[in-house]
Amino acid sequence: MILLAVVTLLLATIAFALARLGRLRRVAIPASADVDTAVVRVARYQRGMTWASVPAALLVATATVMLLEELAVYLVPTLFILVLMLSKLLGEVTAPRPAPGPLRIASLRPRDPASYVSARRIALMRGLSLAAAVLGIVGIIRARPDGRSLGYACDGMSGVQSPWPGFEYTAPALAVLAAGVLLAEVTLRRVATRPRIGGDPVAIHVDELLRSTSAQATVRGATLMASLLAVGLAGPMALMLHRVPCSRAGDTLLVVLLFLAAIASAVAFLALLLDAVRDGATGVLRKVAGRWNKV
């Protein structure tokens, strides 16, 4: 029961962080220009897609738990974040576009994903995803044929430790992680290459904000997914191997590396989550302050 409450609180925090990250800060837009109205319509559409993804993600997570029970321990958080990320790509692809007008302005500045998300954050997403994949493969290799436990036989002793993140637990989560990273890469490419909304300076500014919020939320979601999975794999594997009464050659080094990987991934996850929550909370406080000043 306590574990369920912790998982629920974690998912709610992630949902709040990623959803709030998708909101634009206040921008003064003249009401006289038709193109500006179109930009506002697109911004509201993308915001609605983001918030609609939260109940959808909760439904997917609940259905996964009901169908797979304990096997869903790694799958639920990754699927939850994947659905939230999917709303960003759908918001970019399906958002209503303004009708072409008599004047079109093309920027000569080249756009690429690094224009909206720092190369360091993209590298962190890819690095943590690779680390989580390696940890998953290690867990699958060391597991017994049942894919749920760890067997040992050394120094005249033998036994089984469980649950172990083998194929049954890890493979579905790794598949979702791969889909999440692919989704992030596609969204980044879409953000950088889609047609511009509007041509006047204010509309261009708002359009750049739309691109930035979509790109940052997607990359942050994929990085959270990878770091959370890495912690969930490295931590239990290190503890399980440490509890084995005898060890094979290289197991001690493996335990140390797993503990270090778990600590590093946990630090990255908490830093990303706190950063996202801070951004979201700042947006809430600004909104409350704005309403208070109008009273």
Protein backbone atom coordinates (compact mmCIF):
# COMPACT_ATOMS: atom_id res chain seq x y z
CA MET A 1 0.00 0.00 0.00
CA ILE A 2 2.84 2.36 0.89
CA LEU A 3 4.64 1.47 -2.35
CA LEU A 4 1.48 2.23 -4.35
CA ALA A 5 1.17 5.61 -2.64
CA VAL A 6 4.82 6.45 -3.37
CA VAL A 7 4.48 5.44 -7.03
CA THR A 8 1.25 7.45 -7.36
CA LEU A 9 2.90 10.53 -5.84
CA LEU A 10 5.91 10.13 -8.13
CA LEU A 11 3.75 9.85 -11.25
CA ALA A 12 1.68 12.86 -10.19
CA THR A 13 4.85 14.91 -9.66
CA ILE A 14 6.21 13.92 -13.07
CA ALA A 15 2.88 14.75 -14.71
CA PHE A 16 2.76 18.17 -13.04
CA ALA A 17 6.35 18.93 -13.96
CA LEU A 18 6.08 17.97 -17.64
CA ALA A 19 2.62 19.50 -18.06
CA ARG A 20 3.59 22.80 -16.49
CA LEU A 21 6.76 22.89 -18.58
CA GLY A 22 4.57 22.96 -21.66
CA ARG A 23 2.93 26.27 -20.73
CA LEU A 24 4.09 29.50 -22.31
CA ARG A 25 5.03 32.42 -20.14
CA ARG A 26 2.99 35.58 -20.65
CA VAL A 27 3.71 37.37 -23.95
CA ALA A 28 2.14 40.65 -24.97
CA ILE A 29 0.41 39.95 -28.29
CA PRO A 30 -1.40 42.74 -30.14
CA ALA A 31 -5.01 41.76 -30.71
CA SER A 32 -5.20 43.60 -34.03
CA ALA A 33 -3.20 41.14 -36.15
CA ASP A 34 -4.95 38.06 -37.51
CA VAL A 35 -1.73 36.05 -37.55
CA ASP A 36 -1.28 36.66 -33.84
CA THR A 37 -4.73 35.22 -33.20
CA ALA A 38 -3.68 32.11 -35.10
CA VAL A 39 -0.55 31.78 -32.96
CA VAL A 40 -2.60 32.04 -29.77
CA ARG A 41 -4.97 29.36 -31.08
CA VAL A 42 -2.06 27.01 -31.72
CA ALA A 43 -0.61 27.70 -28.26
CA ARG A 44 -3.93 26.91 -26.58
CA TYR A 45 -4.31 23.75 -28.67
CA GLN A 46 -0.88 22.46 -27.66
CA ARG A 47 -1.56 23.32 -24.02
CA GLY A 48 -4.84 21.39 -24.16
CA MET A 49 -3.08 18.38 -25.68
CA THR A 50 -0.56 18.43 -22.84
CA TRP A 51 -3.16 18.46 -20.08
CA ALA A 52 -5.33 15.88 -21.86
CA SER A 53 -2.36 13.51 -21.84
CA VAL A 54 -2.28 13.38 -18.01
CA PRO A 55 -5.56 11.43 -17.52
CA ALA A 56 -4.67 9.33 -20.59
CA ALA A 57 -1.33 8.44 -19.01
CA LEU A 58 -3.03 7.57 -15.72
CA LEU A 59 -5.47 5.27 -17.53
CA VAL A 60 -2.64 3.52 -19.35
CA ALA A 61 -0.68 3.10 -16.11
CA THR A 62 -3.71 1.74 -14.25
CA ALA A 63 -4.56 -0.72 -17.04
CA THR A 64 -0.94 -1.92 -17.13
CA VAL A 65 -0.92 -2.59 -13.40
CA MET A 66 -4.21 -4.47 -13.57
CA LEU A 67 -3.04 -6.65 -16.48
CA LEU A 68 0.56 -7.38 -15.47
CA GLU A 69 0.50 -6.85 -11.69
CA GLU A 70 4.06 -7.17 -10.29
CA LEU A 71 5.58 -7.48 -13.77
CA ALA A 72 4.57 -3.87 -14.43
CA VAL A 73 7.00 -2.43 -11.87
CA TYR A 74 9.35 -1.03 -14.54
CA LEU A 75 6.79 -0.68 -17.30
CA VAL A 76 4.33 1.64 -15.54
CA PRO A 77 6.59 4.70 -15.04
CA THR A 78 8.08 4.45 -18.52
CA LEU A 79 4.68 4.08 -20.20
CA PHE A 80 3.32 6.94 -18.13
CA ILE A 81 6.07 9.31 -19.27
CA LEU A 82 5.84 8.05 -22.86
CA VAL A 83 2.16 9.05 -23.09
CA LEU A 84 2.97 12.52 -21.74
CA MET A 85 5.75 12.86 -24.31
CA LEU A 86 3.47 11.70 -27.11
CA SER A 87 1.21 14.70 -26.52
CA LYS A 88 4.07 17.01 -27.50
CA LEU A 89 4.60 15.35 -30.86
CA LEU A 90 0.86 15.21 -31.53
CA GLY A 91 0.59 18.87 -30.56
CA GLU A 92 3.27 19.76 -33.07
CA VAL A 93 1.90 17.59 -35.89
CA THR A 94 -1.85 18.18 -35.53
CA ALA A 95 -1.97 21.79 -34.36
CA PRO A 96 -4.14 24.02 -36.57
CA ARG A 97 -2.07 26.14 -38.94
CA PRO A 98 -3.01 29.64 -40.10
CA ALA A 99 -4.15 30.06 -43.68
CA PRO A 100 -1.37 31.29 -45.99
CA GLY A 101 -1.49 35.03 -46.43
CA PRO A 102 -0.19 37.37 -49.11
CA LEU A 103 3.11 37.87 -47.25
CA ARG A 104 5.50 35.14 -46.14
CA ILE A 105 8.72 35.85 -44.29
CA ALA A 106 11.47 33.24 -44.20
CA SER A 107 14.25 33.38 -41.64
CA LEU A 108 17.78 32.85 -42.91
CA ARG A 109 18.89 31.55 -39.48
CA PRO A 110 19.37 27.76 -39.67
CA ARG A 111 17.27 25.83 -37.17
CA ASP A 112 18.23 22.54 -35.59
CA PRO A 113 17.33 20.80 -32.28
CA ALA A 114 20.27 22.50 -30.53
CA SER A 115 18.55 25.85 -31.22
CA TYR A 116 15.87 24.96 -28.65
CA VAL A 117 17.55 22.46 -26.30
CA SER A 118 21.19 22.61 -25.30
CA ALA A 119 23.45 19.97 -26.80
CA ARG A 120 24.42 18.99 -23.26
CA ARG A 121 20.84 18.06 -22.36
CA ILE A 122 20.45 16.05 -25.55
CA ALA A 123 23.73 14.25 -24.82
CA LEU A 124 22.54 13.55 -21.26
CA MET A 125 19.31 12.04 -22.59
CA ARG A 126 21.20 9.76 -24.98
CA GLY A 127 23.86 8.84 -22.43
CA LEU A 128 21.38 7.90 -19.70
CA SER A 129 19.30 5.94 -22.21
CA LEU A 130 22.37 3.98 -23.26
CA ALA A 131 23.29 3.36 -19.62
CA ALA A 132 19.78 2.09 -18.84
CA ALA A 133 19.92 -0.22 -21.87
CA VAL A 134 23.28 -1.64 -20.76
CA LEU A 135 21.97 -2.20 -17.24
CA GLY A 136 18.91 -3.96 -18.63
CA ILE A 137 21.05 -6.24 -20.78
CA VAL A 138 23.25 -7.09 -17.77
CA GLY A 139 20.15 -7.98 -15.78
CA ILE A 140 18.81 -10.18 -18.57
CA ILE A 141 22.16 -11.99 -18.99
CA ARG A 142 22.59 -12.69 -15.27
CA ALA A 143 19.00 -13.85 -14.72
CA ARG A 144 17.89 -17.46 -14.53
CA PRO A 145 15.85 -18.88 -17.44
CA ASP A 146 12.62 -17.86 -15.68
CA GLY A 147 13.60 -14.20 -16.23
CA ARG A 148 12.62 -13.23 -12.70
CA SER A 149 15.36 -14.47 -10.36
CA LEU A 150 19.12 -14.66 -9.88
CA GLY A 151 20.80 -18.00 -9.34
CA TYR A 152 24.21 -18.53 -7.76
CA ALA A 153 26.50 -21.53 -7.24
CA CYS A 154 29.94 -20.91 -5.75
CA ASP A 155 32.12 -22.05 -2.82
CA GLY A 156 29.95 -25.10 -2.39
CA MET A 157 26.79 -23.02 -1.95
CA SER A 158 23.87 -22.50 -4.29
CA GLY A 159 20.56 -20.74 -4.18
CA VAL A 160 18.21 -18.25 -5.77
CA GLN A 161 17.59 -14.55 -5.15
CA SER A 162 14.40 -12.92 -6.34
CA PRO A 163 12.90 -10.77 -7.66
CA TRP A 164 15.67 -10.01 -10.13
CA PRO A 165 15.22 -7.60 -13.08
CA GLY A 166 15.54 -10.22 -15.80
CA PHE A 167 13.82 -10.52 -19.13
CA GLU A 168 10.27 -10.68 -17.74
CA TYR A 169 10.64 -7.37 -15.90
CA THR A 170 13.15 -5.51 -18.02
CA ALA A 171 12.49 -6.26 -21.70
CA PRO A 172 9.10 -4.44 -21.94
CA ALA A 173 10.51 -1.37 -20.16
CA LEU A 174 13.55 -1.29 -22.46
CA ALA A 175 11.22 -1.43 -25.47
CA VAL A 176 9.27 1.55 -24.11
CA LEU A 177 12.53 3.40 -23.41
CA ALA A 178 13.64 2.85 -27.01
CA ALA A 179 10.27 4.17 -28.19
CA GLY A 180 10.64 7.19 -25.88
CA VAL A 181 14.09 8.10 -27.18
CA LEU A 182 12.91 7.66 -30.78
CA LEU A 183 9.87 9.83 -30.01
CA ALA A 184 12.11 12.52 -28.53
CA GLU A 185 14.38 12.50 -31.59
CA VAL A 186 11.41 12.71 -33.98
CA THR A 187 9.84 15.53 -31.95
CA LEU A 188 13.10 17.48 -31.93
CA ARG A 189 13.35 17.12 -35.70
CA ARG A 190 9.73 18.16 -36.13
CA VAL A 191 10.17 21.18 -33.87
CA ALA A 192 13.19 22.34 -35.86
CA THR A 193 11.73 21.83 -39.34
CA ARG A 194 8.00 22.50 -39.18
CA PRO A 195 6.63 25.60 -41.00
CA ARG A 196 6.65 28.84 -39.09
CA ILE A 197 3.39 30.18 -37.65
CA GLY A 198 2.98 33.78 -38.72
CA GLY A 199 5.47 36.25 -40.11
CA ASP A 200 5.43 39.39 -37.96
CA PRO A 201 8.03 39.74 -35.16
CA VAL A 202 5.63 39.03 -32.28
CA ALA A 203 4.23 35.90 -33.93
CA ILE A 204 7.76 34.69 -34.69
CA HIS A 205 8.70 35.21 -31.04
CA VAL A 206 5.69 33.22 -29.80
CA ASP A 207 6.34 30.51 -32.37
CA GLU A 208 9.92 30.18 -31.08
CA LEU A 209 8.53 29.81 -27.54
CA LEU A 210 6.18 27.08 -28.74
CA ARG A 211 9.06 25.19 -30.31
CA SER A 212 11.24 25.62 -27.24
CA THR A 213 8.64 24.38 -24.76
CA SER A 214 7.84 21.30 -26.86
CA ALA A 215 11.50 20.43 -27.36
CA GLN A 216 12.49 20.95 -23.72
CA ALA A 217 9.53 19.01 -22.32
CA THR A 218 10.19 16.08 -24.67
CA VAL A 219 13.90 15.85 -23.91
CA ARG A 220 13.29 16.21 -20.21
CA GLY A 221 10.66 13.47 -20.32
CA ALA A 222 12.96 11.03 -22.12
CA THR A 223 15.80 11.83 -19.71
CA LEU A 224 13.53 11.31 -16.70
CA MET A 225 12.41 7.99 -18.16
CA ALA A 226 15.98 6.80 -18.73
CA SER A 227 17.30 7.92 -15.34
CA LEU A 228 14.34 6.43 -13.47
CA LEU A 229 14.77 3.11 -15.24
CA ALA A 230 18.53 3.15 -14.61
CA VAL A 231 17.98 3.69 -10.89
CA GLY A 232 15.34 0.96 -10.78
CA LEU A 233 17.69 -1.50 -12.45
CA ALA A 234 21.08 -0.68 -10.93
CA GLY A 235 19.90 -0.34 -7.33
CA PRO A 236 18.09 -3.69 -6.96
CA MET A 237 20.79 -5.55 -8.90
CA ALA A 238 23.54 -4.15 -6.66
CA LEU A 239 21.62 -5.01 -3.48
CA MET A 240 20.77 -8.49 -4.74
CA LEU A 241 24.35 -9.31 -5.71
CA HIS A 242 25.59 -7.89 -2.41
CA ARG A 243 23.29 -10.24 -0.50
CA VAL A 244 24.58 -13.33 -2.27
CA PRO A 245 26.60 -15.28 0.36
CA CYS A 246 29.36 -16.11 -2.13
CA SER A 247 30.67 -14.29 -5.16
CA ARG A 248 32.14 -15.18 -8.49
CA ALA A 249 35.18 -13.48 -9.97
CA GLY A 250 34.30 -9.94 -10.92
CA ASP A 251 31.07 -9.78 -8.91
CA THR A 252 32.57 -7.40 -6.33
CA LEU A 253 33.58 -4.94 -9.04
CA LEU A 254 30.17 -5.32 -10.65
CA VAL A 255 28.44 -4.48 -7.36
CA VAL A 256 30.55 -1.34 -6.94
CA LEU A 257 29.83 -0.23 -10.52
CA LEU A 258 26.11 -0.88 -10.05
CA PHE A 259 26.00 1.15 -6.84
CA LEU A 260 27.82 4.03 -8.54
CA ALA A 261 25.44 3.83 -11.52
CA ALA A 262 22.42 3.85 -9.18
CA ILE A 263 23.72 6.90 -7.28
CA ALA A 264 24.58 8.82 -10.45
CA SER A 265 21.22 8.03 -12.05
CA ALA A 266 19.35 8.98 -8.86
CA VAL A 267 21.15 12.31 -8.70
CA ALA A 268 20.35 13.00 -12.35
CA PHE A 269 16.69 12.02 -11.89
CA LEU A 270 16.20 14.17 -8.77
CA ALA A 271 17.98 17.14 -10.34
CA LEU A 272 15.82 16.94 -13.46
CA LEU A 273 12.61 16.44 -11.49
CA LEU A 274 13.33 19.29 -9.06
CA ASP A 275 14.25 21.54 -11.97
CA ALA A 276 10.99 20.71 -13.73
CA VAL A 277 8.93 21.16 -10.57
CA ARG A 278 10.64 24.49 -9.93
CA ASP A 279 9.78 25.66 -13.43
CA GLY A 280 6.19 24.53 -12.98
CA ALA A 281 5.83 26.08 -9.53
CA THR A 282 7.29 29.36 -10.81
CA GLY A 283 4.66 29.39 -13.55
CA VAL A 284 1.89 28.79 -11.01
CA LEU A 285 3.15 31.57 -8.72
CA ARG A 286 3.38 34.01 -11.63
CA LYS A 287 -0.17 33.20 -12.64
CA VAL A 288 -1.47 33.66 -9.07
CA ALA A 289 0.46 36.91 -8.71
CA GLY A 290 -0.95 38.18 -11.99
CA ARG A 291 -4.52 37.48 -10.88
CA TRP A 292 -3.87 39.03 -7.47
CA ASN A 293 -2.59 42.25 -9.06
CA LYS A 294 -5.79 42.50 -11.11
CA VAL A 295 -7.96 42.42 -8.00
